[in-house]
């Protein structure tokens, strides 16, 4: 059975910054992706509750990368395992593993996609609506076409092409609303 994707809060990056925070549910696996900066923690917790879940129900948290706007509220989820590009963390246990191809559940896996930072990962989710990719390779559907923080423009372009080659039905960017990729999606 495919996973369910739910948007908890839509991020933005202008005079203020907030990350896009998402919820994935695949059977007993409950994942929050990028629980970073938001104007009020209730913007994460209230929609979670509206989906019938408490912070203690969250089994896994994924960080697309380690900037505070994507990690700041991780402690809201006391029972979760935390995933980044190189390891799984829980309490005082640090388990090294490569994120590329790592499955959190049958329908949720991680993929290395260096671009915004060299350590970026994307979360790839099979849903009833098609493939959904949660990633910071794009800030929003509109760009910026050239990520001002990307240390290697060619690495960013290659990672964007890797994601687009999957044929996603939806891309969930780091600081904006989900969008359907098109010919005008920046590469």
Protein backbone atom coordinates (compact mmCIF):
# COMPACT_ATOMS: atom_id res chain seq x y z
CA UNK A 1 0.00 0.00 0.00
CA UNK A 2 1.41 3.45 -0.89
CA UNK A 3 2.25 6.10 1.67
CA UNK A 4 0.19 9.22 2.38
CA UNK A 5 1.74 12.67 1.96
CA UNK A 6 0.40 15.64 3.92
CA UNK A 7 1.73 19.18 4.04
CA UNK A 8 1.96 20.44 7.63
CA UNK A 9 3.13 23.98 6.85
CA UNK A 10 4.35 25.81 3.77
CA UNK A 11 7.67 27.57 4.12
CA UNK A 12 8.93 30.86 2.74
CA UNK A 13 12.20 32.76 2.38
CA UNK A 14 12.04 36.52 2.09
CA UNK A 15 12.50 39.01 4.95
CA UNK A 16 11.66 36.08 7.27
CA UNK A 17 12.34 32.40 6.76
CA UNK A 18 10.45 29.18 7.48
CA UNK A 19 10.94 25.71 6.08
CA UNK A 20 8.25 23.62 4.45
CA UNK A 21 7.34 20.82 6.89
CA UNK A 22 5.71 17.60 5.67
CA UNK A 23 4.12 14.47 7.10
CA UNK A 24 4.39 11.00 5.56
CA UNK A 25 2.49 7.97 6.82
CA UNK A 26 3.18 4.45 5.59
CA UNK A 27 1.52 1.91 7.87
CA UNK A 28 3.16 2.19 11.28
CA UNK A 29 5.87 4.51 9.93
CA UNK A 30 5.09 8.18 10.65
CA UNK A 31 7.66 10.61 9.26
CA UNK A 32 8.08 14.36 9.63
CA UNK A 33 10.43 15.93 7.07
CA UNK A 34 12.37 19.11 7.87
CA UNK A 35 10.80 20.29 11.16
CA UNK A 36 12.68 23.56 11.08
CA UNK A 37 11.96 27.20 11.70
CA UNK A 38 8.33 28.32 11.70
CA UNK A 39 6.63 31.42 13.13
CA UNK A 40 4.98 29.30 15.83
CA UNK A 41 5.41 25.62 16.72
CA UNK A 42 1.64 25.25 16.53
CA UNK A 43 2.04 25.51 12.75
CA UNK A 44 3.58 22.03 12.95
CA UNK A 45 1.74 20.57 15.94
CA UNK A 46 -1.84 21.63 15.11
CA UNK A 47 -1.93 20.09 11.61
CA UNK A 48 -0.28 16.95 13.02
CA UNK A 49 -3.07 16.74 15.58
CA UNK A 50 -5.65 17.40 12.85
CA UNK A 51 -4.37 14.21 11.17
CA UNK A 52 -5.01 12.29 14.41
CA UNK A 53 -1.35 12.16 15.47
CA UNK A 54 0.64 13.35 18.45
CA UNK A 55 4.35 14.22 18.49
CA UNK A 56 4.95 10.90 20.29
CA UNK A 57 3.46 9.03 17.29
CA UNK A 58 6.22 10.25 14.98
CA UNK A 59 8.63 7.36 14.36
CA UNK A 60 11.13 9.14 12.10
CA UNK A 61 12.34 12.66 11.30
CA UNK A 62 14.28 13.40 8.12
CA UNK A 63 16.60 16.39 7.69
CA UNK A 64 17.18 17.34 4.06
CA UNK A 65 20.30 19.10 5.39
CA UNK A 66 21.55 20.60 8.65
CA UNK A 67 20.55 24.26 8.39
CA UNK A 68 18.45 25.47 11.35
CA UNK A 69 15.52 26.42 9.13
CA UNK A 70 15.10 22.67 8.53
CA UNK A 71 16.08 21.21 11.92
CA UNK A 72 15.20 23.66 14.71
CA UNK A 73 12.05 21.87 15.95
CA UNK A 74 13.33 18.30 15.89
CA UNK A 75 13.00 17.98 19.67
CA UNK A 76 9.21 18.15 19.32
CA UNK A 77 9.32 14.43 18.46
CA UNK A 78 10.72 12.57 21.48
CA UNK A 79 10.26 8.98 20.22
CA UNK A 80 11.63 9.52 16.71
CA UNK A 81 14.72 8.29 14.96
CA UNK A 82 16.50 11.12 13.13
CA UNK A 83 17.92 10.69 9.62
CA UNK A 84 20.46 12.71 7.68
CA UNK A 85 22.88 12.01 4.83
CA UNK A 86 25.15 9.71 6.85
CA UNK A 87 23.44 8.24 9.90
CA UNK A 88 20.42 7.45 12.02
CA UNK A 89 20.31 9.01 15.50
CA UNK A 90 18.15 8.05 18.46
CA UNK A 91 18.80 9.03 22.04
CA UNK A 92 22.51 8.24 22.52
CA UNK A 93 22.84 5.83 19.57
CA UNK A 94 24.55 6.94 16.37
CA UNK A 95 24.25 4.39 13.54
CA UNK A 96 26.33 5.19 10.47
CA UNK A 97 24.75 4.37 7.11
CA UNK A 98 24.65 5.82 3.63
CA UNK A 99 21.30 7.51 3.02
CA UNK A 100 21.25 6.76 -0.70
CA UNK A 101 18.57 4.13 -1.23
CA UNK A 102 17.83 3.69 2.48
CA UNK A 103 14.18 2.69 3.06
CA UNK A 104 12.30 4.06 6.07
CA UNK A 105 9.35 1.94 4.94
CA UNK A 106 8.30 0.08 1.79
CA UNK A 107 7.07 3.35 0.19
CA UNK A 108 9.51 5.90 1.67
CA UNK A 109 13.20 6.03 0.81
CA UNK A 110 16.07 8.48 0.94
CA UNK A 111 18.25 9.61 -1.95
CA UNK A 112 21.45 11.62 -1.84
CA UNK A 113 21.02 14.84 -3.79
CA UNK A 114 23.91 17.19 -3.06
CA UNK A 115 23.18 20.69 -4.29
CA UNK A 116 22.02 23.27 -1.75
CA UNK A 117 24.71 21.74 0.48
CA UNK A 118 27.07 18.84 -0.28
CA UNK A 119 25.17 16.75 2.31
CA UNK A 120 21.61 17.19 0.98
CA UNK A 121 19.21 14.26 0.80
CA UNK A 122 15.75 14.02 -0.71
CA UNK A 123 12.87 11.89 0.52
CA UNK A 124 11.18 9.88 -2.25
CA UNK A 125 7.64 8.70 -1.56
CA UNK A 126 5.33 6.42 -3.52
CA UNK A 127 1.74 7.64 -3.04
CA UNK A 128 -1.60 6.89 -4.69
CA UNK A 129 -1.19 10.19 -6.55
CA UNK A 130 2.25 9.25 -7.89
CA UNK A 131 5.83 9.82 -6.83
CA UNK A 132 6.43 12.73 -4.43
CA UNK A 133 9.94 14.07 -3.83
CA UNK A 134 10.65 16.26 -0.79
CA UNK A 135 13.86 18.16 -1.50
CA UNK A 136 15.78 21.39 -1.04
CA UNK A 137 17.09 21.31 -4.60
CA UNK A 138 14.41 23.94 -5.24
CA UNK A 139 13.42 26.63 -2.75
CA UNK A 140 10.06 27.19 -4.47
CA UNK A 141 8.53 26.40 -7.86
CA UNK A 142 9.75 29.80 -9.06
CA UNK A 143 13.37 29.30 -8.02
CA UNK A 144 15.79 30.73 -7.50
CA UNK A 145 17.15 29.07 -10.61
CA UNK A 146 20.65 29.51 -9.20
CA UNK A 147 20.66 28.65 -5.50
CA UNK A 148 22.76 31.44 -3.92
CA UNK A 149 24.08 29.04 -1.27
CA UNK A 150 24.92 26.08 -3.54
CA UNK A 151 28.69 25.60 -3.42
CA UNK A 152 28.79 23.73 -6.75
CA UNK A 153 26.33 24.75 -9.49
CA UNK A 154 27.04 21.63 -11.60
CA UNK A 155 26.40 19.37 -8.62
CA UNK A 156 23.06 21.14 -8.06
CA UNK A 157 22.13 20.75 -11.74
CA UNK A 158 23.03 17.03 -11.73
CA UNK A 159 20.97 16.40 -8.58
CA UNK A 160 17.98 18.28 -10.03
CA UNK A 161 18.22 16.18 -13.20
CA UNK A 162 18.40 13.01 -11.08
CA UNK A 163 15.14 13.97 -9.33
CA UNK A 164 13.36 15.00 -12.52
CA UNK A 165 14.41 11.72 -14.20
CA UNK A 166 12.28 9.90 -11.60
CA UNK A 167 9.20 11.51 -13.15
CA UNK A 168 7.74 12.87 -9.92
CA UNK A 169 4.08 13.87 -9.84
CA UNK A 170 4.92 16.43 -7.16
CA UNK A 171 8.02 18.16 -5.79
CA UNK A 172 7.93 19.57 -2.26
CA UNK A 173 10.57 22.34 -2.14
CA UNK A 174 12.42 23.63 0.89
CA UNK A 175 10.59 26.95 1.24
CA UNK A 176 7.42 26.85 -0.79
CA UNK A 177 4.27 25.05 -1.80
CA UNK A 178 4.42 21.67 -3.56
CA UNK A 179 4.49 21.92 -7.34
CA UNK A 180 4.14 19.71 -10.38
CA UNK A 181 7.39 19.79 -12.35
CA UNK A 182 7.19 21.03 -15.93
CA UNK A 183 9.45 21.99 -18.81
CA UNK A 184 9.96 25.36 -17.09
CA UNK A 185 11.22 23.83 -13.81
CA UNK A 186 14.76 25.18 -13.27
CA UNK A 187 17.52 22.62 -13.75
